[in-house]
PDB file of N, CA and C in Angstrom:
ATOM      1  N   MET A   1      -4.643 -21.933   0.438  1.00  0.00           N
ATOM      2  CA  MET A   1      -5.384 -21.598   1.638  1.00  0.00           C
ATOM      3  C   MET A   1      -6.120 -20.290   1.375  1.00  0.00           C
ATOM      4  N   GLY A   2      -7.356 -20.214   1.814  1.00  0.00           N
ATOM      5  CA  GLY A   2      -8.156 -19.022   1.632  1.00  0.00           C
ATOM      6  C   GLY A   2      -7.741 -17.904   2.568  1.00  0.00           C
ATOM      7  N   ALA A   3      -8.164 -16.697   2.238  1.00  0.00           N
ATOM      8  CA  ALA A   3      -7.784 -15.514   3.005  1.00  0.00           C
ATOM      9  C   ALA A   3      -8.265 -15.582   4.459  1.00  0.00           C
ATOM     10  N   THR A   4      -9.484 -16.040   4.680  1.00  0.00           N
ATOM     11  CA  THR A   4      -9.997 -16.098   6.055  1.00  0.00           C
ATOM     12  C   THR A   4      -9.214 -17.101   6.877  1.00  0.00           C
ATOM     13  N   ARG A   5      -8.907 -18.254   6.304  1.00  0.00           N
ATOM     14  CA  ARG A   5      -8.118 -19.256   7.054  1.00  0.00           C
ATOM     15  C   ARG A   5      -6.719 -18.733   7.329  1.00  0.00           C
ATOM     16  N   ALA A   6      -6.135 -18.053   6.370  1.00  0.00           N
ATOM     17  CA  ALA A   6      -4.802 -17.484   6.566  1.00  0.00           C
ATOM     18  C   ALA A   6      -4.833 -16.448   7.689  1.00  0.00           C
ATOM     19  N   HIS A   7      -5.857 -15.597   7.702  1.00  0.00           N
ATOM     20  CA  HIS A   7      -5.969 -14.603   8.766  1.00  0.00           C
ATOM     21  C   HIS A   7      -6.158 -15.263  10.129  1.00  0.00           C
ATOM     22  N   ILE A   8      -6.963 -16.306  10.173  1.00  0.00           N
ATOM     23  CA  ILE A   8      -7.168 -17.028  11.433  1.00  0.00           C
ATOM     24  C   ILE A   8      -5.854 -17.623  11.914  1.00  0.00           C
ATOM     25  N   LEU A   9      -5.117 -18.249  11.029  1.00  0.00           N
ATOM     26  CA  LEU A   9      -3.839 -18.856  11.386  1.00  0.00           C
ATOM     27  C   LEU A   9      -2.865 -17.797  11.904  1.00  0.00           C
ATOM     28  N   LEU A  10      -2.798 -16.663  11.230  1.00  0.00           N
ATOM     29  CA  LEU A  10      -1.911 -15.578  11.654  1.00  0.00           C
ATOM     30  C   LEU A  10      -2.324 -15.002  13.002  1.00  0.00           C
ATOM     31  N   ARG A  11      -3.619 -14.856  13.240  1.00  0.00           N
ATOM     32  CA  ARG A  11      -4.078 -14.319  14.525  1.00  0.00           C
ATOM     33  C   ARG A  11      -3.790 -15.294  15.663  1.00  0.00           C
ATOM     34  N   ILE A  12      -3.980 -16.587  15.416  1.00  0.00           N
ATOM     35  CA  ILE A  12      -3.644 -17.572  16.445  1.00  0.00           C
ATOM     36  C   ILE A  12      -2.161 -17.488  16.762  1.00  0.00           C
ATOM     37  N   ALA A  13      -1.342 -17.336  15.736  1.00  0.00           N
ATOM     38  CA  ALA A  13       0.108 -17.228  15.943  1.00  0.00           C
ATOM     39  C   ALA A  13       0.452 -15.959  16.720  1.00  0.00           C
ATOM     40  N   ALA A  14      -0.151 -14.853  16.346  1.00  0.00           N
ATOM     41  CA  ALA A  14       0.150 -13.583  16.997  1.00  0.00           C
ATOM     42  C   ALA A  14      -0.286 -13.570  18.460  1.00  0.00           C
ATOM     43  N   LEU A  15      -1.400 -14.220  18.740  1.00  0.00           N
ATOM     44  CA  LEU A  15      -1.913 -14.265  20.105  1.00  0.00           C
ATOM     45  C   LEU A  15      -1.341 -15.436  20.898  1.00  0.00           C
ATOM     46  N   GLU A  16      -0.585 -16.295  20.249  1.00  0.00           N
ATOM     47  CA  GLU A  16      -0.003 -17.534  20.764  1.00  0.00           C
ATOM     48  C   GLU A  16      -1.060 -18.600  20.969  1.00  0.00           C
ATOM     49  N   ALA A  17      -2.210 -18.230  21.402  1.00  0.00           N
ATOM     50  CA  ALA A  17      -3.376 -19.097  21.488  1.00  0.00           C
ATOM     51  C   ALA A  17      -4.572 -18.163  21.489  1.00  0.00           C
ATOM     52  N   ALA A  18      -5.648 -18.586  20.905  1.00  0.00           N
ATOM     53  CA  ALA A  18      -6.814 -17.709  20.806  1.00  0.00           C
ATOM     54  C   ALA A  18      -8.080 -18.512  20.987  1.00  0.00           C
ATOM     55  N   THR A  19      -9.066 -17.879  21.571  1.00  0.00           N
ATOM     56  CA  THR A  19     -10.375 -18.512  21.661  1.00  0.00           C
ATOM     57  C   THR A  19     -11.156 -18.193  20.393  1.00  0.00           C
ATOM     58  N   THR A  20     -12.212 -18.937  20.181  1.00  0.00           N
ATOM     59  CA  THR A  20     -13.090 -18.643  19.047  1.00  0.00           C
ATOM     60  C   THR A  20     -13.608 -17.219  19.169  1.00  0.00           C
ATOM     61  N   ASN A  21     -13.968 -16.811  20.375  1.00  0.00           N
ATOM     62  CA  ASN A  21     -14.467 -15.458  20.588  1.00  0.00           C
ATOM     63  C   ASN A  21     -13.413 -14.402  20.252  1.00  0.00           C
ATOM     64  N   ASP A  22     -12.143 -14.643  20.617  1.00  0.00           N
ATOM     65  CA  ASP A  22     -11.053 -13.725  20.243  1.00  0.00           C
ATOM     66  C   ASP A  22     -11.020 -13.539  18.733  1.00  0.00           C
ATOM     67  N   LEU A  23     -11.126 -14.646  18.021  1.00  0.00           N
ATOM     68  CA  LEU A  23     -11.031 -14.604  16.561  1.00  0.00           C
ATOM     69  C   LEU A  23     -12.239 -13.905  15.947  1.00  0.00           C
ATOM     70  N   VAL A  24     -13.421 -14.124  16.510  1.00  0.00           N
ATOM     71  CA  VAL A  24     -14.627 -13.435  16.032  1.00  0.00           C
ATOM     72  C   VAL A  24     -14.423 -11.928  16.152  1.00  0.00           C
ATOM     73  N   GLN A  25     -13.930 -11.480  17.300  1.00  0.00           N
ATOM     74  CA  GLN A  25     -13.722 -10.047  17.533  1.00  0.00           C
ATOM     75  C   GLN A  25     -12.602  -9.495  16.657  1.00  0.00           C
ATOM     76  N   GLU A  26     -11.502 -10.208  16.543  1.00  0.00           N
ATOM     77  CA  GLU A  26     -10.349  -9.747  15.768  1.00  0.00           C
ATOM     78  C   GLU A  26     -10.651  -9.646  14.280  1.00  0.00           C
ATOM     79  N   LEU A  27     -11.406 -10.605  13.763  1.00  0.00           N
ATOM     80  CA  LEU A  27     -11.605 -10.697  12.316  1.00  0.00           C
ATOM     81  C   LEU A  27     -12.967 -10.188  11.853  1.00  0.00           C
ATOM     82  N   ALA A  28     -13.833  -9.854  12.803  1.00  0.00           N
ATOM     83  CA  ALA A  28     -15.175  -9.340  12.472  1.00  0.00           C
ATOM     84  C   ALA A  28     -15.944 -10.289  11.550  1.00  0.00           C
ATOM     85  N   VAL A  29     -15.919 -11.568  11.907  1.00  0.00           N
ATOM     86  CA  VAL A  29     -16.707 -12.584  11.202  1.00  0.00           C
ATOM     87  C   VAL A  29     -17.549 -13.310  12.247  1.00  0.00           C
ATOM     88  N   SER A  30     -18.488 -14.111  11.809  1.00  0.00           N
ATOM     89  CA  SER A  30     -19.367 -14.812  12.744  1.00  0.00           C
ATOM     90  C   SER A  30     -18.654 -15.980  13.432  1.00  0.00           C
ATOM     91  N   ALA A  31     -19.193 -16.385  14.560  1.00  0.00           N
ATOM     92  CA  ALA A  31     -18.660 -17.547  15.272  1.00  0.00           C
ATOM     93  C   ALA A  31     -18.761 -18.799  14.406  1.00  0.00           C
ATOM     94  N   ALA A  32     -19.832 -18.909  13.626  1.00  0.00           N
ATOM     95  CA  ALA A  32     -19.985 -20.064  12.733  1.00  0.00           C
ATOM     96  C   ALA A  32     -18.875 -20.095  11.683  1.00  0.00           C
ATOM     97  N   THR A  33     -18.518 -18.922  11.167  1.00  0.00           N
ATOM     98  CA  THR A  33     -17.438 -18.845  10.175  1.00  0.00           C
ATOM     99  C   THR A  33     -16.117 -19.264  10.800  1.00  0.00           C
ATOM    100  N   VAL A  34     -15.826 -18.738  11.984  1.00  0.00           N
ATOM    101  CA  VAL A  34     -14.584 -19.111  12.673  1.00  0.00           C
ATOM    102  C   VAL A  34     -14.571 -20.604  12.962  1.00  0.00           C
ATOM    103  N   SER A  35     -15.671 -21.141  13.456  1.00  0.00           N
ATOM    104  CA  SER A  35     -15.739 -22.572  13.766  1.00  0.00           C
ATOM    105  C   SER A  35     -15.510 -23.432  12.532  1.00  0.00           C
ATOM    106  N   HIS A  36     -16.104 -23.033  11.426  1.00  0.00           N
ATOM    107  CA  HIS A  36     -15.906 -23.785  10.183  1.00  0.00           C
ATOM    108  C   HIS A  36     -14.429 -23.791   9.788  1.00  0.00           C
ATOM    109  N   HIS A  37     -13.813 -22.617   9.766  1.00  0.00           N
ATOM    110  CA  HIS A  37     -12.431 -22.514   9.311  1.00  0.00           C
ATOM    111  C   HIS A  37     -11.449 -23.150  10.299  1.00  0.00           C
ATOM    112  N   THR A  38     -11.699 -23.021  11.597  1.00  0.00           N
ATOM    113  CA  THR A  38     -10.806 -23.686  12.551  1.00  0.00           C
ATOM    114  C   THR A  38     -10.937 -25.201  12.442  1.00  0.00           C
ATOM    115  N   GLY A  39     -12.125 -25.684  12.086  1.00  0.00           N
ATOM    116  CA  GLY A  39     -12.293 -27.123  11.854  1.00  0.00           C
ATOM    117  C   GLY A  39     -11.442 -27.615  10.697  1.00  0.00           C
ATOM    118  N   VAL A  40     -11.400 -26.843   9.633  1.00  0.00           N
ATOM    119  CA  VAL A  40     -10.568 -27.204   8.483  1.00  0.00           C
ATOM    120  C   VAL A  40      -9.087 -27.146   8.863  1.00  0.00           C
ATOM    121  N   LEU A  41      -8.683 -26.098   9.585  1.00  0.00           N
ATOM    122  CA  LEU A  41      -7.282 -25.974  10.011  1.00  0.00           C
ATOM    123  C   LEU A  41      -6.892 -27.099  10.963  1.00  0.00           C
ATOM    124  N   ARG A  42      -7.808 -27.485  11.850  1.00  0.00           N
ATOM    125  CA  ARG A  42      -7.558 -28.596  12.776  1.00  0.00           C
ATOM    126  C   ARG A  42      -7.437 -29.912  12.013  1.00  0.00           C
ATOM    127  N   HIS A  43      -8.342 -30.140  11.062  1.00  0.00           N
ATOM    128  CA  HIS A  43      -8.302 -31.352  10.246  1.00  0.00           C
ATOM    129  C   HIS A  43      -6.999 -31.424   9.432  1.00  0.00           C
ATOM    130  N   SER A  44      -6.455 -30.276   9.085  1.00  0.00           N
ATOM    131  CA  SER A  44      -5.198 -30.205   8.334  1.00  0.00           C
ATOM    132  C   SER A  44      -3.974 -30.270   9.242  1.00  0.00           C
ATOM    133  N   ALA A  45      -4.188 -30.422  10.546  1.00  0.00           N
ATOM    134  CA  ALA A  45      -3.131 -30.537  11.558  1.00  0.00           C
ATOM    135  C   ALA A  45      -2.306 -29.260  11.695  1.00  0.00           C
ATOM    136  N   LEU A  46      -2.909 -28.099  11.394  1.00  0.00           N
ATOM    137  CA  LEU A  46      -2.204 -26.824  11.532  1.00  0.00           C
ATOM    138  C   LEU A  46      -2.466 -26.176  12.890  1.00  0.00           C
ATOM    139  N   ILE A  47      -3.585 -26.542  13.522  1.00  0.00           N
ATOM    140  CA  ILE A  47      -3.911 -26.044  14.853  1.00  0.00           C
ATOM    141  C   ILE A  47      -4.462 -27.173  15.702  1.00  0.00           C
ATOM    142  N   THR A  48      -4.439 -26.944  17.011  1.00  0.00           N
ATOM    143  CA  THR A  48      -5.124 -27.833  17.941  1.00  0.00           C
ATOM    144  C   THR A  48      -6.256 -27.031  18.572  1.00  0.00           C
ATOM    145  N   THR A  49      -7.246 -27.721  19.045  1.00  0.00           N
ATOM    146  CA  THR A  49      -8.399 -27.079  19.666  1.00  0.00           C
ATOM    147  C   THR A  49      -8.698 -27.801  20.969  1.00  0.00           C
ATOM    148  N   GLU A  50      -8.933 -27.016  22.011  1.00  0.00           N
ATOM    149  CA  GLU A  50      -9.244 -27.594  23.320  1.00  0.00           C
ATOM    150  C   GLU A  50     -10.411 -26.819  23.936  1.00  0.00           C
ATOM    151  N   ARG A  51     -11.403 -27.537  24.364  1.00  0.00           N
ATOM    152  CA  ARG A  51     -12.562 -26.903  25.005  1.00  0.00           C
ATOM    153  C   ARG A  51     -12.278 -26.735  26.489  1.00  0.00           C
ATOM    154  N   ASP A  52     -12.634 -25.551  27.012  1.00  0.00           N
ATOM    155  CA  ASP A  52     -12.484 -25.243  28.429  1.00  0.00           C
ATOM    156  C   ASP A  52     -13.796 -24.603  28.871  1.00  0.00           C
ATOM    157  N   GLY A  53     -14.719 -25.420  29.338  1.00  0.00           N
ATOM    158  CA  GLY A  53     -16.053 -24.922  29.677  1.00  0.00           C
ATOM    159  C   GLY A  53     -16.763 -24.469  28.415  1.00  0.00           C
ATOM    160  N   VAL A  54     -17.138 -23.198  28.364  1.00  0.00           N
ATOM    161  CA  VAL A  54     -17.816 -22.685  27.179  1.00  0.00           C
ATOM    162  C   VAL A  54     -16.841 -22.105  26.164  1.00  0.00           C
ATOM    163  N   SER A  55     -15.564 -21.968  26.543  1.00  0.00           N
ATOM    164  CA  SER A  55     -14.555 -21.424  25.628  1.00  0.00           C
ATOM    165  C   SER A  55     -13.881 -22.536  24.838  1.00  0.00           C
ATOM    166  N   VAL A  56     -13.474 -22.199  23.624  1.00  0.00           N
ATOM    167  CA  VAL A  56     -12.704 -23.109  22.788  1.00  0.00           C
ATOM    168  C   VAL A  56     -11.393 -22.402  22.460  1.00  0.00           C
ATOM    169  N   HIS A  57     -10.280 -23.023  22.847  1.00  0.00           N
ATOM    170  CA  HIS A  57      -8.957 -22.442  22.658  1.00  0.00           C
ATOM    171  C   HIS A  57      -8.250 -23.106  21.485  1.00  0.00           C
ATOM    172  N   HIS A  58      -7.631 -22.294  20.648  1.00  0.00           N
ATOM    173  CA  HIS A  58      -6.910 -22.780  19.476  1.00  0.00           C
ATOM    174  C   HIS A  58      -5.445 -22.391  19.597  1.00  0.00           C
ATOM    175  N   ALA A  59      -4.557 -23.283  19.184  1.00  0.00           N
ATOM    176  CA  ALA A  59      -3.119 -23.018  19.205  1.00  0.00           C
ATOM    177  C   ALA A  59      -2.493 -23.656  17.969  1.00  0.00           C
ATOM    178  N   LEU A  60      -1.373 -23.095  17.546  1.00  0.00           N
ATOM    179  CA  LEU A  60      -0.655 -23.660  16.406  1.00  0.00           C
ATOM    180  C   LEU A  60      -0.011 -24.982  16.774  1.00  0.00           C
ATOM    181  N   THR A  61       0.039 -25.869  15.833  1.00  0.00           N
ATOM    182  CA  THR A  61       0.823 -27.097  15.974  1.00  0.00           C
ATOM    183  C   THR A  61       2.222 -26.801  15.425  1.00  0.00           C
ATOM    184  N   PRO A  62       3.178 -27.689  15.641  1.00  0.00           N
ATOM    185  CA  PRO A  62       4.485 -27.495  15.008  1.00  0.00           C
ATOM    186  C   PRO A  62       4.370 -27.373  13.479  1.00  0.00           C
ATOM    187  N   LEU A  63       3.452 -28.114  12.879  1.00  0.00           N
ATOM    188  CA  LEU A  63       3.257 -28.006  11.436  1.00  0.00           C
ATOM    189  C   LEU A  63       2.761 -26.614  11.058  1.00  0.00           C
ATOM    190  N   GLY A  64       1.825 -26.078  11.832  1.00  0.00           N
ATOM    191  CA  GLY A  64       1.328 -24.725  11.585  1.00  0.00           C
ATOM    192  C   GLY A  64       2.429 -23.693  11.727  1.00  0.00           C
ATOM    193  N   GLN A  65       3.273 -23.851  12.748  1.00  0.00           N
ATOM    194  CA  GLN A  65       4.411 -22.951  12.930  1.00  0.00           C
ATOM    195  C   GLN A  65       5.376 -23.052  11.754  1.00  0.00           C
ATOM    196  N   SER A  66       5.630 -24.269  11.296  1.00  0.00           N
ATOM    197  CA  SER A  66       6.535 -24.472  10.160  1.00  0.00           C
ATOM    198  C   SER A  66       5.982 -23.835   8.890  1.00  0.00           C
ATOM    199  N   LEU A  67       4.675 -23.961   8.681  1.00  0.00           N
ATOM    200  CA  LEU A  67       4.058 -23.359   7.508  1.00  0.00           C
ATOM    201  C   LEU A  67       4.252 -21.845   7.510  1.00  0.00           C
ATOM    202  N   LEU A  68       3.989 -21.215   8.642  1.00  0.00           N
ATOM    203  CA  LEU A  68       4.183 -19.768   8.724  1.00  0.00           C
ATOM    204  C   LEU A  68       5.652 -19.408   8.542  1.00  0.00           C
ATOM    205  N   GLY A  69       6.526 -20.140   9.210  1.00  0.00           N
ATOM    206  CA  GLY A  69       7.965 -19.866   9.102  1.00  0.00           C
ATOM    207  C   GLY A  69       8.495 -20.045   7.698  1.00  0.00           C
ATOM    208  N   ALA A  70       7.977 -21.032   6.976  1.00  0.00           N
ATOM    209  CA  ALA A  70       8.434 -21.285   5.602  1.00  0.00           C
ATOM    210  C   ALA A  70       8.083 -20.132   4.671  1.00  0.00           C
ATOM    211  N   HIS A  71       7.065 -19.373   5.055  1.00  0.00           N
ATOM    212  CA  HIS A  71       6.652 -18.232   4.239  1.00  0.00           C
ATOM    213  C   HIS A  71       7.137 -16.912   4.830  1.00  0.00           C
ATOM    214  N   GLY A  72       8.005 -16.995   5.836  1.00  0.00           N
ATOM    215  CA  GLY A  72       8.558 -15.804   6.447  1.00  0.00           C
ATOM    216  C   GLY A  72       7.531 -14.974   7.197  1.00  0.00           C
ATOM    217  N   LEU A  73       6.463 -15.624   7.644  1.00  0.00           N
ATOM    218  CA  LEU A  73       5.398 -14.906   8.343  1.00  0.00           C
ATOM    219  C   LEU A  73       5.644 -14.931   9.841  1.00  0.00           C
ATOM    220  N   PRO A  74       5.213 -13.870  10.509  1.00  0.00           N
ATOM    221  CA  PRO A  74       5.450 -13.804  11.956  1.00  0.00           C
ATOM    222  C   PRO A  74       4.567 -14.766  12.721  1.00  0.00           C
ATOM    223  N   GLY A  75       5.061 -15.157  13.848  1.00  0.00           N
ATOM    224  CA  GLY A  75       4.304 -16.012  14.753  1.00  0.00           C
ATOM    225  C   GLY A  75       5.159 -16.280  15.962  1.00  0.00           C
ATOM    226  N   ARG A  76       4.533 -16.320  17.101  1.00  0.00           N
ATOM    227  CA  ARG A  76       5.276 -16.613  18.318  1.00  0.00           C
ATOM    228  C   ARG A  76       5.523 -18.099  18.396  1.00  0.00           C
ATOM    229  N   ARG A  77       6.662 -18.432  18.937  1.00  0.00           N
ATOM    230  CA  ARG A  77       6.965 -19.837  19.167  1.00  0.00           C
ATOM    231  C   ARG A  77       7.322 -20.009  20.624  1.00  0.00           C
ATOM    232  N   ARG A  78       6.821 -21.050  21.203  1.00  0.00           N
ATOM    233  CA  ARG A  78       7.164 -21.353  22.583  1.00  0.00           C
ATOM    234  C   ARG A  78       8.526 -22.031  22.608  1.00  0.00           C
ATOM    235  N   PRO A  79       9.340 -21.697  23.615  1.00  0.00           N
ATOM    236  CA  PRO A  79      10.592 -22.420  23.778  1.00  0.00           C
ATOM    237  C   PRO A  79      10.318 -23.890  24.043  1.00  0.00           C
ATOM    238  N   PRO A  80      11.274 -24.761  23.730  1.00  0.00           N
ATOM    239  CA  PRO A  80      11.054 -26.210  23.900  1.00  0.00           C
ATOM    240  C   PRO A  80      10.652 -26.609  25.308  1.00  0.00           C
ATOM    241  N   ASP A  81      11.044 -25.833  26.341  1.00  0.00           N
ATOM    242  CA  ASP A  81      10.690 -26.204  27.698  1.00  0.00           C
ATOM    243  C   ASP A  81       9.278 -25.775  28.076  1.00  0.00           C
ATOM    244  N   GLY A  82       8.552 -25.096  27.154  1.00  0.00           N
ATOM    245  CA  GLY A  82       7.169 -24.709  27.406  1.00  0.00           C
ATOM    246  C   GLY A  82       7.014 -23.385  28.115  1.00  0.00           C
ATOM    247  N   SER A  83       8.147 -22.729  28.497  1.00  0.00           N
ATOM    248  CA  SER A  83       8.038 -21.439  29.151  1.00  0.00           C
ATOM    249  C   SER A  83       7.678 -20.356  28.151  1.00  0.00           C
ATOM    250  N   ARG A  84       7.225 -19.218  28.662  1.00  0.00           N
ATOM    251  CA  ARG A  84       6.841 -18.112  27.786  1.00  0.00           C
ATOM    252  C   ARG A  84       7.938 -17.124  27.831  1.00  0.00           C
TER     253      ARG A  84
END
């Protein structure tokens, strides 16, 4: 996995869910760059993406959480009941 995708995955985990705009601001890259990399992460089943009006929200999938956990990387996990 490339450095930008890894950073995107870590930021989504740290924020629990992030919009494309959040990631643009956090990583100081273009919206096109974030969109490209989130598309690859989504295609790899590491994140989910949901459009809400003009915003696009990204969240880790269980596979994405497992990948981070397998490498001892931090990331928030939601309890099984969905509460925060």
